[in-house]
C-alpha cells in the first residue's frame, strides 16, 4: 500500500520534493485511521483537476 501511495505522490511532485512526502503521509494517515474510502476518490480528483492524463506507451 505504501509503495502505491509513493508512486502516486511522484505523479504530482518530484521524487525529491518534501511536498511528495507530505502528500503520501497524509493519505497513509487517513488509511490507518480507517478512512480509506475517502482516499481513493480524492486521489482521482487530484489527477483529474489538473487534467493529468496517462503517459503514452
Protein backbone atom coordinates (compact mmCIF):
# COMPACT_ATOMS: atom_id res chain seq x y z
CA UNK A 1 0.00 0.00 0.00
CA UNK A 2 2.75 2.43 0.92
CA UNK A 3 4.56 1.79 -2.36
CA UNK A 4 1.36 2.59 -4.27
CA UNK A 5 0.99 5.86 -2.36
CA UNK A 6 4.60 6.83 -3.13
CA UNK A 7 4.13 6.10 -6.82
CA UNK A 8 1.02 8.27 -6.82
CA UNK A 9 2.80 11.06 -4.95
CA UNK A 10 5.54 11.11 -7.59
CA UNK A 11 2.92 11.71 -10.27
CA UNK A 12 2.12 15.04 -8.66
CA UNK A 13 5.50 16.01 -7.19
CA UNK A 14 9.19 15.36 -7.90
CA UNK A 15 10.87 12.50 -6.08
CA UNK A 16 12.97 14.87 -4.02
CA UNK A 17 10.05 17.09 -3.06
CA UNK A 18 9.01 17.46 0.57
CA UNK A 19 5.52 18.02 -0.84
CA UNK A 20 5.50 14.40 -2.08
CA UNK A 21 6.35 13.22 1.42
CA UNK A 22 3.60 15.33 2.96
CA UNK A 23 1.09 14.15 0.34
CA UNK A 24 1.91 10.49 0.96
CA UNK A 25 1.96 10.87 4.74
CA UNK A 26 -1.46 12.49 4.83
CA UNK A 27 -3.06 9.74 2.76
CA UNK A 28 -1.34 6.98 4.72
CA UNK A 29 -2.57 8.51 7.97
CA UNK A 30 -6.13 8.59 6.65
CA UNK A 31 -5.89 4.93 5.63
CA UNK A 32 -4.55 3.94 9.06
CA UNK A 33 -7.42 5.85 10.68
CA UNK A 34 -9.89 3.72 8.71
CA UNK A 35 -10.81 6.46 6.25
CA UNK A 36 -9.55 4.72 3.13
CA UNK A 37 -12.90 5.18 1.39
CA UNK A 38 -12.12 8.88 1.06
CA UNK A 39 -8.51 8.44 -0.07
CA UNK A 40 -9.08 6.76 -3.44
CA UNK A 41 -11.70 9.24 -4.70
CA UNK A 42 -9.52 12.11 -3.53
CA UNK A 43 -6.57 10.74 -5.48
CA UNK A 44 -8.77 10.53 -8.56
CA UNK A 45 -9.84 14.14 -8.14
CA UNK A 46 -6.20 15.17 -7.69
CA UNK A 47 -5.43 13.63 -11.07
CA UNK A 48 -8.43 14.98 -12.96
CA UNK A 49 -8.49 18.56 -11.67
CA UNK A 50 -5.13 19.45 -13.29
CA UNK A 51 -6.19 17.32 -16.29
CA UNK A 52 -3.40 14.76 -15.91
CA UNK A 53 -3.50 12.01 -18.49
CA UNK A 54 -1.82 8.60 -18.60
CA UNK A 55 1.56 8.50 -20.36
CA UNK A 56 1.60 7.22 -23.91
CA UNK A 57 3.48 3.93 -24.08
